[in-house]
Amino acid sequence: MKPSSSPSESLLRGLSGAVDVDAELDDSHLLQALLDAEAALARAGADAGLLPGPVADEIARHCHADRYDPAALGTAADAAGNPVVPLVRELTAAVAPPARAWVHHGATSQDILDSALALVVTRAAGPLLRHLDAATDAAAGLTRAHRDTVMVARTLGQQAAPTTFGLKAAGWLLGLHDARTRLAQARAALPAQLGGAVGTLAGYGPSGLVVADRFAAHLGLAAGPLPWHTRRQPVLDLAAALGGLLAAAGKVALDVGLLAQTEVGEVAEGGPGRGGSSAMPHKRNPVDSVLVTAAARRGPGLVGTLFAAAGQEHERATGGWHAEWEPLLDLLHLAGGAAARTARMLGNLRVHPQRMRANLDATGGLLLAEAVATRLAPALGRAAAHDLVARAATAASFRDALLADPDVRAHLSVADVDAALDPAGWLGSAATLVDRALETYERGTG
């Protein structure tokens, strides 16, 4: 039996990730990012005149992941507490003797690993953001198509008052849009890390700042004002952005799952061959909703770990830094899967306006109790109007009870009562809010 060669190929991990995002998170890509950082370090040193250009070329020539064994490096990492130490040892042995003294010159392991993780994040964020864009576009399409589709709004798990499916989708849209904005900002702000042993760049003499800036430029990362070995705000900003993305996707998934319940039936997930049950042939389960919800529930623990690890000692951490690596990669994995599944879920979503209307009418107009009380309040006072309508709401027929009440008929005609009981007449600024959400989305994508 062939063993799994990548985390994205495992039996369970594929249920929470996206193949194209996970491909950037596997061992071979992390190893390549570490080697990219070593190559950039050598080239930065050459730019600053610290080592000859041909030496930098020789080092870079050996910075290819297929020349090294990630599993062996992982095993060897146990002795030093990180994989950079054995990698540097192997890279040094691989280059020509004149270049060996310049491998990893002036750097510390954290410089290379932090910079490599920033590269991994940057690269994984490409497909992740594409999935998120697709999810946002699908939410925008639903928002436009159902701008005026009236449905029940629910608060505290109960039917509350009329709203529109367009407004519900607009909330999904802006949640995803805001998450995309935050993630793109956190990605763009990720700095390269270079400080040397204690953050002074002492190994480069007076050229330290030049080397640090050139190092960042070669990696295509931001150049921070100073090393951030124990100042972990870049990681916290990224964690918050990924956690926010999972929360936004989880909100969509939770709503879809609830609206797809048999007794509600207002939406259904689409897509051929999806949602079957091993035991019940009739079932069509909202699988994407379930899996995105699962990812969203795992996110806060990972975000919490990264925040808990951020308080780090003096100039170098004793465990806090080490605690970041896997939760960060796990967050990227979950966010990629959630974005991809949300895009598929919304792109294939089936909306049932007739069922929405039936659910609106299920309580015989009780959803419009607020509308009736508002019409009576100028004449009766707010409290008296509220109490009158509350009494009518206990009757078998809400409309008949209203029309039979002399205090109601003294101020409202039959036509007035029927107008108050029309859901389409109690939508407030819903349509305008939908338009504003779409304008916000279109400005962000224009």
Protein backbone atom coordinates (compact mmCIF):
# COMPACT_ATOMS: atom_id res chain seq x y z
CA MET A 1 0.00 0.00 0.00
CA LYS A 2 1.35 3.39 -1.01
CA PRO A 3 1.78 5.69 2.00
CA SER A 4 0.45 9.23 1.86
CA SER A 5 3.16 11.59 0.62
CA SER A 6 1.39 14.84 1.38
CA PRO A 7 -0.93 16.08 4.15
CA SER A 8 -3.45 17.03 1.45
CA GLU A 9 -3.68 13.34 0.44
CA SER A 10 -4.65 12.02 3.87
CA LEU A 11 -7.97 10.32 4.48
CA LEU A 12 -9.43 13.10 6.64
CA ARG A 13 -7.40 16.20 5.83
CA GLY A 14 -8.93 16.50 2.38
CA LEU A 15 -12.29 17.17 4.03
CA SER A 16 -11.07 20.42 5.53
CA GLY A 17 -8.62 21.77 2.96
CA ALA A 18 -8.34 22.79 -0.68
CA VAL A 19 -5.84 20.95 -2.88
CA ASP A 20 -4.27 24.06 -4.42
CA VAL A 21 -3.83 25.80 -1.05
CA ASP A 22 -2.58 22.65 0.66
CA ALA A 23 -0.02 22.15 -2.10
CA GLU A 24 1.71 25.34 -0.90
CA LEU A 25 1.74 24.07 2.69
CA ASP A 26 3.35 20.66 2.25
CA ASP A 27 6.89 19.78 3.34
CA SER A 28 8.45 20.24 -0.07
CA HIS A 29 7.12 23.78 -0.43
CA LEU A 30 8.10 24.74 3.11
CA LEU A 31 11.56 23.34 2.44
CA GLN A 32 11.80 25.34 -0.78
CA ALA A 33 10.80 28.48 1.10
CA LEU A 34 13.60 27.85 3.62
CA LEU A 35 16.05 27.46 0.76
CA ASP A 36 14.69 30.56 -0.97
CA ALA A 37 15.45 32.46 2.21
CA GLU A 38 19.02 31.11 2.28
CA ALA A 39 19.53 32.04 -1.37
CA ALA A 40 18.12 35.52 -0.78
CA LEU A 41 20.42 35.94 2.20
CA ALA A 42 23.48 35.14 0.09
CA ARG A 43 22.38 37.50 -2.69
CA ALA A 44 21.68 40.27 -0.18
CA GLY A 45 25.18 39.85 1.23
CA ALA A 46 26.61 40.12 -2.28
CA ASP A 47 24.54 43.25 -2.94
CA ALA A 48 26.09 44.80 0.16
CA GLY A 49 29.60 43.84 -0.95
CA LEU A 50 30.15 41.34 1.86
CA LEU A 51 30.75 38.36 -0.40
CA PRO A 52 31.52 37.88 -4.09
CA GLY A 53 28.63 37.51 -6.50
CA PRO A 54 29.84 34.11 -7.78
CA VAL A 55 29.75 32.82 -4.18
CA ALA A 56 26.13 33.90 -3.85
CA ASP A 57 25.37 32.20 -7.16
CA GLU A 58 27.00 28.99 -5.94
CA ILE A 59 24.90 29.00 -2.78
CA ALA A 60 21.71 29.75 -4.69
CA ARG A 61 22.50 26.95 -7.17
CA HIS A 62 22.12 24.42 -4.37
CA CYS A 63 18.92 25.94 -2.95
CA HIS A 64 16.50 23.52 -4.60
CA ALA A 65 14.24 21.38 -2.47
CA ASP A 66 14.53 18.27 -4.62
CA ARG A 67 18.17 17.93 -3.48
CA TYR A 68 17.18 17.36 0.15
CA ASP A 69 15.03 14.91 2.09
CA PRO A 70 12.34 16.65 4.16
CA ALA A 71 11.74 13.57 6.30
CA ALA A 72 15.42 13.25 7.16
CA LEU A 73 15.64 16.95 7.95
CA GLY A 74 12.57 16.66 10.16
CA THR A 75 14.15 13.83 12.10
CA ALA A 76 17.42 15.73 12.45
CA ALA A 77 15.57 18.85 13.60
CA ASP A 78 14.86 17.25 16.96
CA ALA A 79 18.46 17.80 18.07
CA ALA A 80 18.34 21.59 17.58
CA GLY A 81 14.63 22.29 17.96
CA ASN A 82 14.10 23.50 14.39
CA PRO A 83 14.79 22.26 10.84
CA VAL A 84 17.02 25.16 9.81
CA VAL A 85 20.08 23.86 11.66
CA PRO A 86 20.30 20.50 9.82
CA LEU A 87 19.36 22.17 6.54
CA VAL A 88 22.20 24.67 6.86
CA ARG A 89 24.55 21.82 7.64
CA GLU A 90 23.53 19.98 4.47
CA LEU A 91 23.58 23.12 2.33
CA THR A 92 27.05 23.98 3.59
CA ALA A 93 28.30 20.53 2.70
CA ALA A 94 26.75 20.73 -0.76
CA VAL A 95 28.33 23.98 -1.96
CA ALA A 96 31.90 24.36 -3.23
CA PRO A 97 34.48 24.89 -0.45
CA PRO A 98 35.05 28.63 -1.16
CA ALA A 99 31.34 29.30 -0.56
CA ARG A 100 30.92 27.32 2.64
CA ALA A 101 31.91 30.11 5.02
CA TRP A 102 29.15 32.30 3.54
CA VAL A 103 26.19 29.94 3.90
CA HIS A 104 23.72 31.36 6.43
CA HIS A 105 26.18 34.21 7.08
CA GLY A 106 25.12 36.54 9.89
CA ALA A 107 21.66 34.97 10.31
CA THR A 108 19.97 32.90 12.97
CA SER A 109 17.54 30.03 12.50
CA GLN A 110 14.54 32.20 13.30
CA ASP A 111 15.45 34.61 10.52
CA ILE A 112 15.22 31.85 7.97
CA LEU A 113 12.16 30.07 9.35
CA ASP A 114 10.10 33.22 9.95
CA SER A 115 10.94 34.48 6.47
CA ALA A 116 10.16 31.10 4.95
CA LEU A 117 6.79 30.95 6.69
CA ALA A 118 6.03 34.45 5.40
CA LEU A 119 6.80 33.15 1.90
CA VAL A 120 4.57 30.12 2.43
CA VAL A 121 1.73 32.35 3.61
CA THR A 122 2.19 34.68 0.65
CA ARG A 123 2.17 31.81 -1.82
CA ALA A 124 -0.75 29.93 -0.23
CA ALA A 125 -2.75 33.13 -0.04
CA GLY A 126 -2.83 33.30 -3.84
CA PRO A 127 -5.21 30.38 -4.40
CA LEU A 128 -6.90 31.04 -1.06
CA LEU A 129 -7.86 34.56 -2.14
CA ARG A 130 -9.04 33.27 -5.51
CA HIS A 131 -11.44 30.90 -3.73
CA LEU A 132 -12.56 33.74 -1.50
CA ASP A 133 -13.14 35.96 -4.52
CA ALA A 134 -15.31 33.24 -6.06
CA ALA A 135 -17.30 32.95 -2.82
CA THR A 136 -17.75 36.72 -2.67
CA ASP A 137 -18.82 36.89 -6.31
CA ALA A 138 -21.38 34.13 -5.71
CA ALA A 139 -22.75 35.98 -2.67
CA ALA A 140 -23.03 39.13 -4.77
CA GLY A 141 -24.97 37.22 -7.42
CA LEU A 142 -27.45 35.96 -4.83
CA THR A 143 -27.75 39.45 -3.38
CA ARG A 144 -28.63 40.95 -6.75
CA ALA A 145 -30.98 38.17 -7.82
CA HIS A 146 -32.95 38.22 -4.56
CA ARG A 147 -32.90 41.92 -3.70
CA ASP A 148 -36.68 41.91 -3.23
CA THR A 149 -37.36 38.25 -2.37
CA VAL A 150 -39.30 38.45 0.90
CA MET A 151 -38.59 35.91 3.63
CA VAL A 152 -38.81 35.44 7.38
CA ALA A 153 -36.13 36.99 9.57
CA ARG A 154 -35.38 34.95 12.66
CA THR A 155 -34.07 36.15 16.00
CA LEU A 156 -33.21 33.95 18.98
CA GLY A 157 -34.17 30.99 16.81
CA GLN A 158 -37.76 32.19 16.29
CA GLN A 159 -39.63 33.85 13.46
CA ALA A 160 -39.40 37.59 14.03
CA ALA A 161 -40.41 39.87 11.13
CA PRO A 162 -40.11 40.06 7.35
CA THR A 163 -36.81 40.69 5.61
CA THR A 164 -35.43 39.82 2.18
CA PHE A 165 -33.14 37.05 1.10
CA GLY A 166 -31.20 39.74 -0.69
CA LEU A 167 -30.44 41.44 2.62
CA LYS A 168 -29.40 38.14 4.20
CA ALA A 169 -27.09 37.44 1.26
CA ALA A 170 -25.78 41.01 1.50
CA GLY A 171 -24.68 40.26 5.05
CA TRP A 172 -22.82 37.19 3.78
CA LEU A 173 -21.33 39.28 0.99
CA LEU A 174 -19.89 41.98 3.21
CA GLY A 175 -18.64 39.46 5.76
CA LEU A 176 -16.66 37.67 3.05
CA HIS A 177 -15.60 40.94 1.42
CA ASP A 178 -14.27 42.33 4.70
CA ALA A 179 -12.44 39.07 5.42
CA ARG A 180 -10.79 39.23 2.01
CA THR A 181 -9.68 42.80 2.60
CA ARG A 182 -8.15 41.99 5.98
CA LEU A 183 -6.35 38.91 4.70
CA ALA A 184 -4.92 40.76 1.70
CA GLN A 185 -3.68 43.51 4.00
CA ALA A 186 -2.09 41.07 6.45
CA ARG A 187 -0.44 39.21 3.58
CA ALA A 188 0.99 42.38 2.04
CA ALA A 189 2.35 43.54 5.39
CA LEU A 190 4.22 40.32 6.20
CA PRO A 191 7.85 41.34 6.71
CA ALA A 192 11.04 39.45 6.09
CA GLN A 193 12.87 38.56 9.28
CA LEU A 194 16.58 39.29 9.63
CA GLY A 195 18.28 40.26 12.86
CA GLY A 196 21.03 37.77 13.53
CA ALA A 197 21.63 36.19 16.91
CA VAL A 198 19.98 38.82 19.13
CA GLY A 199 18.43 41.23 16.64
CA THR A 200 21.38 43.63 16.24
CA LEU A 201 22.57 42.52 12.76
CA ALA A 202 26.05 42.49 14.26
CA GLY A 203 27.28 39.84 11.84
CA TYR A 204 27.08 42.32 8.96
CA GLY A 205 29.01 45.17 10.56
CA PRO A 206 27.96 48.58 9.22
CA SER A 207 26.13 46.94 6.29
CA GLY A 208 23.41 45.36 8.43
CA LEU A 209 20.52 47.55 7.32
CA VAL A 210 21.51 47.25 3.67
CA VAL A 211 21.59 43.47 3.92
CA ALA A 212 18.22 43.38 5.70
CA ASP A 213 16.56 45.60 3.10
CA ARG A 214 18.06 43.68 0.17
CA PHE A 215 17.07 40.38 1.80
CA ALA A 216 13.44 41.52 1.95
CA ALA A 217 13.58 42.76 -1.63
CA HIS A 218 14.92 39.45 -2.95
CA LEU A 219 12.11 37.60 -1.17
CA GLY A 220 9.42 40.02 -2.28
CA LEU A 221 8.41 40.66 1.33
CA ALA A 222 7.96 43.87 3.24
CA ALA A 223 11.03 45.33 4.95
CA GLY A 224 10.25 45.93 8.62
CA PRO A 225 11.83 48.79 10.57
CA LEU A 226 13.60 46.31 12.86
CA PRO A 227 13.67 42.57 13.53
CA TRP A 228 10.51 41.13 15.08
CA HIS A 229 11.91 38.04 16.78
CA THR A 230 9.77 38.51 19.89
CA ARG A 231 7.39 41.18 18.58
CA ARG A 232 4.84 38.94 16.95
CA GLN A 233 2.27 41.42 15.67
CA PRO A 234 2.66 40.27 12.02
CA VAL A 235 1.65 36.76 13.08
CA LEU A 236 -1.22 38.08 15.20
CA ASP A 237 -2.56 40.20 12.34
CA LEU A 238 -2.45 37.19 10.05
CA ALA A 239 -4.07 34.94 12.65
CA ALA A 240 -6.87 37.45 13.19
CA ALA A 241 -7.45 37.75 9.44
CA LEU A 242 -7.59 33.98 8.95
CA GLY A 243 -9.81 33.58 12.01
CA GLY A 244 -12.10 36.30 10.67
CA LEU A 245 -12.30 34.55 7.32
CA LEU A 246 -13.31 31.31 9.01
CA ALA A 247 -15.92 33.17 11.06
CA ALA A 248 -17.38 34.86 7.96
CA ALA A 249 -17.52 31.57 6.05
CA GLY A 250 -18.90 29.82 9.11
CA LYS A 251 -21.72 32.36 9.36
CA VAL A 252 -22.73 31.62 5.77
CA ALA A 253 -22.52 27.88 6.35
CA LEU A 254 -24.58 28.00 9.53
CA ASP A 255 -27.34 30.03 7.87
CA VAL A 256 -27.43 27.73 4.84
CA GLY A 257 -27.60 24.66 7.04
CA LEU A 258 -30.51 26.07 9.02
CA LEU A 259 -32.40 27.28 5.94
CA ALA A 260 -31.91 23.88 4.30
CA GLN A 261 -33.57 21.97 7.17
CA THR A 262 -36.50 19.91 5.92
CA GLU A 263 -39.03 21.84 8.00
CA VAL A 264 -37.73 25.17 6.62
CA GLY A 265 -36.71 24.23 3.07
CA GLU A 266 -35.92 27.73 1.88
CA VAL A 267 -32.59 26.83 0.27
CA ALA A 268 -30.76 23.66 -0.74
CA GLU A 269 -27.18 22.93 -1.67
CA GLY A 270 -26.73 21.95 -5.30
CA GLY A 271 -24.05 20.08 -7.19
CA PRO A 272 -24.31 16.59 -8.68
CA GLY A 273 -23.65 13.58 -6.51
CA ARG A 274 -23.33 15.49 -3.25
CA GLY A 275 -25.09 15.07 0.08
CA GLY A 276 -25.95 11.39 0.08
CA SER A 277 -26.39 9.26 3.20
CA SER A 278 -24.98 5.77 3.77
CA ALA A 279 -28.22 4.68 5.45
CA MET A 280 -31.07 6.85 4.13
CA PRO A 281 -31.49 6.95 0.34
CA HIS A 282 -33.84 9.93 0.44
CA LYS A 283 -31.45 12.33 2.15
CA ARG A 284 -29.55 15.19 0.55
CA ASN A 285 -27.36 16.59 3.30
CA PRO A 286 -25.87 20.12 3.16
CA VAL A 287 -22.32 18.75 3.08
CA ASP A 288 -20.47 21.98 2.30
CA SER A 289 -22.34 23.73 5.09
CA VAL A 290 -21.35 20.96 7.49
CA LEU A 291 -17.67 20.99 6.54
CA VAL A 292 -17.32 24.77 6.57
CA THR A 293 -19.04 24.89 9.95
CA ALA A 294 -16.56 22.31 11.24
CA ALA A 295 -13.62 24.37 10.00
CA ALA A 296 -15.03 27.54 11.55
CA ARG A 297 -15.32 25.82 14.93
CA ARG A 298 -11.68 24.73 14.83
CA GLY A 299 -10.40 28.18 13.97
CA PRO A 300 -10.72 29.96 17.33
CA GLY A 301 -8.53 27.41 19.11
CA LEU A 302 -5.74 27.88 16.58
CA VAL A 303 -6.06 31.67 16.71
CA GLY A 304 -6.01 31.46 20.50
CA THR A 305 -2.81 29.39 20.43
CA LEU A 306 -1.08 32.00 18.28
CA PHE A 307 -2.17 34.82 20.57
CA ALA A 308 -1.16 32.85 23.66
CA ALA A 309 2.27 32.23 22.13
CA ALA A 310 2.87 35.90 21.36
CA GLY A 311 4.19 36.88 24.78
CA GLN A 312 7.82 35.98 24.25
CA GLU A 313 10.89 36.45 26.43
CA HIS A 314 13.61 39.05 25.89
CA GLU A 315 15.26 38.77 22.46
CA ARG A 316 14.42 35.12 21.65
CA ALA A 317 11.54 32.94 22.80
CA THR A 318 11.78 29.70 24.73
CA GLY A 319 8.87 27.86 23.19
CA GLY A 320 6.44 30.60 22.20
CA TRP A 321 7.90 30.94 18.72
CA HIS A 322 8.02 27.19 18.28
CA ALA A 323 4.34 26.94 19.23
CA GLU A 324 3.33 29.09 16.25
CA TRP A 325 4.43 27.00 13.29
CA GLU A 326 1.86 24.24 13.06
CA PRO A 327 -1.20 26.28 14.19
CA LEU A 328 -0.37 28.87 11.54
CA LEU A 329 -0.17 26.27 8.79
CA ASP A 330 -3.34 24.61 10.10
CA LEU A 331 -5.18 27.94 9.95
CA LEU A 332 -4.12 28.42 6.35
CA HIS A 333 -5.26 24.89 5.57
CA LEU A 334 -8.68 25.41 7.16
CA ALA A 335 -9.15 28.85 5.63
CA GLY A 336 -8.35 27.52 2.16
CA GLY A 337 -10.85 24.70 2.50
CA ALA A 338 -13.54 26.95 3.95
CA ALA A 339 -13.13 29.52 1.18
CA ALA A 340 -13.27 26.87 -1.56
CA ARG A 341 -16.31 25.14 -0.09
CA THR A 342 -18.13 28.42 0.53
CA ALA A 343 -17.58 29.33 -3.11
CA ARG A 344 -19.02 26.00 -4.23
CA MET A 345 -21.88 26.16 -1.72
CA LEU A 346 -23.01 29.63 -2.78
CA GLY A 347 -22.33 29.07 -6.47
CA ASN A 348 -24.66 26.05 -6.50
CA LEU A 349 -27.20 27.26 -3.95
CA ARG A 350 -30.83 26.64 -4.84
CA VAL A 351 -33.19 29.27 -3.48
CA HIS A 352 -36.91 28.52 -3.02
CA PRO A 353 -38.91 31.79 -2.88
CA GLN A 354 -42.27 29.96 -2.74
CA ARG A 355 -41.20 28.14 0.40
CA MET A 356 -40.03 31.43 1.84
CA ARG A 357 -43.47 32.88 1.19
CA ALA A 358 -45.19 29.86 2.75
CA ASN A 359 -43.11 30.22 5.89
CA LEU A 360 -43.98 33.93 6.00
CA ASP A 361 -47.66 33.06 5.98
CA ALA A 362 -47.38 30.16 8.43
CA THR A 363 -48.28 32.23 11.50
CA GLY A 364 -51.26 33.99 9.98
CA GLY A 365 -49.79 37.47 10.05
CA LEU A 366 -48.19 37.37 13.51
CA LEU A 367 -44.89 38.42 11.94
CA LEU A 368 -46.49 41.79 11.29
CA ALA A 369 -47.53 42.44 14.89
CA GLU A 370 -44.90 45.18 15.14
CA ALA A 371 -46.28 46.83 12.00
CA VAL A 372 -49.82 46.89 13.42
CA ALA A 373 -48.66 48.23 16.78
CA THR A 374 -46.68 50.97 15.06
CA ARG A 375 -49.76 52.12 13.17
CA LEU A 376 -51.82 52.22 16.37
CA ALA A 377 -49.18 53.86 18.57
CA PRO A 378 -49.83 57.51 17.52
CA ALA A 379 -53.44 57.19 18.66
CA LEU A 380 -53.20 54.80 21.60
CA GLY A 381 -49.66 55.28 22.85
CA ARG A 382 -46.84 52.83 22.35
CA ALA A 383 -47.46 50.69 25.46
CA ALA A 384 -51.23 50.43 24.98
CA ALA A 385 -50.84 49.58 21.30
CA HIS A 386 -48.28 46.91 22.15
CA ASP A 387 -50.57 45.32 24.75
CA LEU A 388 -53.60 45.40 22.45
CA VAL A 389 -51.74 43.68 19.62
CA ALA A 390 -50.23 41.16 22.04
CA ARG A 391 -53.75 40.17 23.16
CA ALA A 392 -54.88 39.79 19.56
CA ALA A 393 -51.86 37.61 18.85
CA THR A 394 -53.17 34.95 21.23
CA ALA A 395 -56.37 34.46 19.23
CA ALA A 396 -56.90 31.69 16.69
CA SER A 397 -56.93 34.27 13.90
CA PHE A 398 -54.77 37.32 14.40
CA ARG A 399 -56.45 39.27 11.61
CA ASP A 400 -59.97 38.47 12.81
CA ALA A 401 -59.06 39.44 16.35
CA LEU A 402 -57.73 42.79 15.18
CA LEU A 403 -60.81 43.52 13.10
CA ALA A 404 -63.07 42.56 16.00
CA ASP A 405 -61.38 44.95 18.44
CA PRO A 406 -63.21 48.31 18.64
CA ASP A 407 -60.02 50.18 19.56
CA VAL A 408 -58.38 48.91 16.39
CA ARG A 409 -61.39 49.72 14.19
CA ALA A 410 -61.61 53.19 15.67
CA HIS A 411 -58.30 54.01 14.07
CA LEU A 412 -57.67 51.46 11.30
CA SER A 413 -59.91 50.38 8.43
CA VAL A 414 -59.99 46.87 7.02
CA ALA A 415 -57.72 48.07 4.24
CA ASP A 416 -55.35 49.58 6.82
CA VAL A 417 -55.16 46.29 8.73
CA ASP A 418 -54.54 44.32 5.55
CA ALA A 419 -51.84 46.77 4.51
CA ALA A 420 -50.19 46.38 7.90
CA LEU A 421 -50.27 42.59 7.49
CA ASP A 422 -48.54 42.66 4.08
CA PRO A 423 -44.90 41.53 4.57
CA ALA A 424 -43.72 43.54 1.59
CA GLY A 425 -44.89 46.70 3.32
CA TRP A 426 -42.70 46.16 6.40
CA LEU A 427 -39.24 45.93 4.92
CA GLY A 428 -37.97 49.34 5.91
CA SER A 429 -34.73 50.18 4.11
CA ALA A 430 -33.94 46.59 3.14
CA ALA A 431 -33.65 47.32 -0.59
CA THR A 432 -31.47 50.36 -0.03
CA LEU A 433 -29.23 48.42 2.34
CA VAL A 434 -28.82 45.72 -0.29
CA ASP A 435 -27.83 48.37 -2.83
CA ARG A 436 -25.29 49.84 -0.43
CA ALA A 437 -23.75 46.43 0.18
CA LEU A 438 -23.42 45.84 -3.55
CA GLU A 439 -21.85 49.27 -4.03
CA THR A 440 -19.30 48.50 -1.32
CA TYR A 441 -18.47 45.19 -2.97
CA GLU A 442 -18.20 46.74 -6.44
CA ARG A 443 -15.91 49.51 -5.21
CA GLY A 444 -13.64 46.88 -3.70
CA THR A 445 -13.47 44.85 -6.90
CA GLY A 446 -13.38 47.71 -9.38
